[in-house]
Amino acid sequence: MRIWRRAAIAAAALAGVAGAALAQEAKVTRPATLGVQANIVFLYYKDMPAAQRFYEDVIGLRLAVDQGFSKIYQVSPTSFIGLVDESQGLHRASEAKAVTVSFVTEQIDEWYAYLQARGVKMRGPIGDATRHPTRGFVAYDPEGYYLEFERFLDHPQNTRLLDALRKR
């Protein structure tokens, strides 16, 4: 058999396999809903004991799961923060923090006063945002993650989120 004919037969066989895979893929549909029961944001730390003390003693979060290298804290009924020892986690802690953890609360002024009294470093004073209708402030955790405490103000831009928050 000539080389070109063997190549054509091989290509046809591959096309058949690829076509069958595409046909099978076309039969698979996305689930009707995401089906998420909760969410966990994992943050990576060089000094896990300091992070634990901060989130437990200062913020007041309750430890939900202790996985040894990871500690998972409950923030709300379906929201969690996981603190991970960078030496054993999926990622390493880095100086640049590309994550902001946002706590949506009506108690903005109370949290600001409390965290200031505890000596937590703040990014700036409490206030109303200029780019979107919120009131809040940003504090830093022990390794520099931004902790944004914010309240979404009554405004047409926030209607859907405020409605969702009222349903909880």
Protein backbone atom coordinates (compact mmCIF):
# COMPACT_ATOMS: atom_id res chain seq x y z
CA MET A 1 0.00 0.00 0.00
CA ARG A 2 1.30 3.36 -0.86
CA ILE A 3 2.20 5.77 1.92
CA TRP A 4 -0.43 8.32 0.89
CA ARG A 5 -3.16 5.65 1.05
CA ARG A 6 -2.05 4.53 4.54
CA ALA A 7 -2.09 8.17 5.67
CA ALA A 8 -5.59 8.62 4.24
CA ILE A 9 -6.87 5.51 6.05
CA ALA A 10 -5.26 6.65 9.32
CA ALA A 11 -6.72 10.14 8.93
CA ALA A 12 -10.18 8.69 8.24
CA ALA A 13 -9.91 6.51 11.35
CA LEU A 14 -8.86 9.48 13.45
CA ALA A 15 -11.66 11.58 12.00
CA GLY A 16 -14.11 8.82 12.93
CA VAL A 17 -12.83 8.78 16.51
CA ALA A 18 -12.89 12.57 16.71
CA GLY A 19 -16.36 12.68 15.16
CA ALA A 20 -17.65 10.14 17.69
CA ALA A 21 -16.13 12.15 20.53
CA LEU A 22 -17.76 15.34 19.23
CA ALA A 23 -21.09 13.57 18.88
CA GLN A 24 -20.80 12.28 22.45
CA GLU A 25 -19.79 15.73 23.68
CA ALA A 26 -22.81 17.27 21.95
CA LYS A 27 -25.11 14.95 23.96
CA VAL A 28 -23.68 16.21 27.28
CA THR A 29 -25.44 19.33 28.52
CA ARG A 30 -24.60 21.73 31.29
CA PRO A 31 -26.49 21.09 34.55
CA ALA A 32 -29.57 23.33 34.92
CA THR A 33 -28.07 25.08 37.96
CA LEU A 34 -24.59 25.44 39.36
CA GLY A 35 -25.70 23.46 42.40
CA VAL A 36 -23.15 25.04 44.72
CA GLN A 37 -23.92 24.54 48.40
CA ALA A 38 -21.25 26.89 49.67
CA ASN A 39 -17.99 28.56 48.73
CA ILE A 40 -14.54 28.56 50.29
CA VAL A 41 -11.84 31.10 49.50
CA PHE A 42 -8.41 29.64 50.29
CA LEU A 43 -5.64 32.04 51.35
CA TYR A 44 -2.00 30.94 51.64
CA TYR A 45 0.21 31.84 54.61
CA LYS A 46 3.84 31.62 55.63
CA ASP A 47 2.90 32.00 59.33
CA MET A 48 -0.21 29.89 59.92
CA PRO A 49 -0.36 30.38 63.71
CA ALA A 50 -0.44 34.18 63.30
CA ALA A 51 -3.17 33.93 60.65
CA GLN A 52 -5.20 31.59 62.86
CA ARG A 53 -4.92 33.90 65.87
CA PHE A 54 -6.04 36.86 63.76
CA TYR A 55 -9.09 35.18 62.23
CA GLU A 56 -10.12 33.51 65.49
CA ASP A 57 -9.23 36.10 68.14
CA VAL A 58 -9.61 39.38 66.23
CA ILE A 59 -12.22 38.64 63.56
CA GLY A 60 -13.98 36.03 65.71
CA LEU A 61 -14.45 33.31 63.12
CA ARG A 62 -15.30 29.77 64.20
CA LEU A 63 -13.12 26.89 63.03
CA ALA A 64 -15.35 24.56 61.00
CA VAL A 65 -12.78 22.05 59.70
CA ASP A 66 -9.18 21.40 60.76
CA GLN A 67 -7.36 19.59 57.97
CA GLY A 68 -3.97 20.02 59.59
CA PHE A 69 -2.30 22.05 56.85
CA SER A 70 -5.57 23.93 56.23
CA LYS A 71 -8.03 25.52 58.65
CA ILE A 72 -11.49 26.31 57.32
CA TYR A 73 -13.49 29.04 59.08
CA GLN A 74 -17.18 29.75 58.69
CA VAL A 75 -17.97 33.34 57.73
CA SER A 76 -21.71 32.98 57.11
CA PRO A 77 -24.07 30.00 56.73
CA THR A 78 -22.61 29.11 53.31
CA SER A 79 -19.39 31.11 53.10
CA PHE A 80 -15.99 29.97 54.36
CA ILE A 81 -12.36 31.10 54.42
CA GLY A 82 -9.62 28.50 54.31
CA LEU A 83 -6.20 29.33 55.69
CA VAL A 84 -3.52 27.15 54.11
CA ASP A 85 0.05 26.52 55.24
CA GLU A 86 1.93 27.46 52.10
CA SER A 87 4.55 24.76 52.67
CA GLN A 88 1.89 22.09 52.18
CA GLY A 89 -0.72 23.72 49.98
CA LEU A 90 -1.46 23.87 46.29
CA HIS A 91 0.13 27.34 46.03
CA ARG A 92 2.79 29.32 47.85
CA ALA A 93 2.22 32.55 49.73
CA SER A 94 3.35 35.55 47.74
CA GLU A 95 4.08 39.15 48.59
CA ALA A 96 1.59 40.41 46.01
CA LYS A 97 -1.94 39.68 47.18
CA ALA A 98 -4.30 39.48 44.23
CA VAL A 99 -7.28 38.63 46.43
CA THR A 100 -9.61 40.85 48.43
CA VAL A 101 -11.91 39.16 50.91
CA SER A 102 -15.07 41.21 51.25
CA PHE A 103 -17.27 41.02 54.32
CA VAL A 104 -20.70 42.46 53.55
CA THR A 105 -22.15 43.81 56.79
CA GLU A 106 -24.41 46.54 58.08
CA GLN A 107 -21.98 47.13 60.99
CA ILE A 108 -19.34 49.11 59.11
CA ASP A 109 -18.72 51.77 61.75
CA GLU A 110 -18.59 49.22 64.57
CA TRP A 111 -16.06 47.02 62.75
CA TYR A 112 -13.91 49.99 61.84
CA ALA A 113 -13.75 51.21 65.45
CA TYR A 114 -13.11 47.71 66.78
CA LEU A 115 -10.33 46.84 64.33
CA GLN A 116 -8.66 50.22 64.87
CA ALA A 117 -8.77 49.64 68.63
CA ARG A 118 -7.11 46.24 68.10
CA GLY A 119 -4.30 47.89 66.13
CA VAL A 120 -5.20 46.33 62.79
CA LYS A 121 -3.54 48.18 59.93
CA MET A 122 -6.00 50.03 57.69
CA ARG A 123 -5.62 51.00 54.05
CA GLY A 124 -7.50 54.24 54.63
CA PRO A 125 -10.36 55.79 56.58
CA ILE A 126 -13.93 54.58 56.54
CA GLY A 127 -16.07 56.23 53.90
CA ASP A 128 -18.39 56.09 50.94
CA ALA A 129 -16.87 54.78 47.74
CA THR A 130 -16.54 57.15 44.79
CA ARG A 131 -16.88 54.56 41.99
CA HIS A 132 -19.81 52.51 43.31
CA PRO A 133 -22.57 52.94 45.91
CA THR A 134 -21.02 51.33 48.98
CA ARG A 135 -19.74 52.42 52.38
CA GLY A 136 -16.80 50.70 53.95
CA PHE A 137 -13.09 50.37 54.53
CA VAL A 138 -10.20 48.01 53.90
CA ALA A 139 -8.08 46.45 56.63
CA TYR A 140 -5.03 44.20 56.23
CA ASP A 141 -4.67 40.73 57.70
CA PRO A 142 -1.27 39.63 59.16
CA GLU A 143 0.24 38.80 55.76
CA GLY A 144 -1.29 41.65 53.78
CA TYR A 145 -4.52 40.29 52.32
CA TYR A 146 -7.10 43.03 51.88
CA LEU A 147 -10.16 42.58 54.08
CA GLU A 148 -12.90 44.81 52.75
CA PHE A 149 -15.78 45.53 55.10
CA GLU A 150 -18.58 47.02 53.07
CA ARG A 151 -22.25 47.83 53.04
CA PHE A 152 -24.09 48.13 49.73
CA LEU A 153 -26.14 51.32 49.80
CA ASP A 154 -29.71 51.62 48.54
CA HIS A 155 -29.16 52.44 44.89
CA PRO A 156 -30.54 51.05 41.60
CA GLN A 157 -27.11 49.54 40.83
CA ASN A 158 -27.34 47.43 44.01
CA THR A 159 -30.99 46.35 43.78
CA ARG A 160 -30.43 42.74 42.72
CA LEU A 161 -27.68 42.15 45.27
CA LEU A 162 -29.65 43.76 48.09
CA ASP A 163 -32.68 41.64 47.16
CA ALA A 164 -30.50 38.50 47.27
CA LEU A 165 -29.08 39.49 50.67
CA ARG A 166 -32.59 40.02 52.08
CA LYS A 167 -33.58 36.47 51.07
CA ARG A 168 -31.04 34.82 53.30
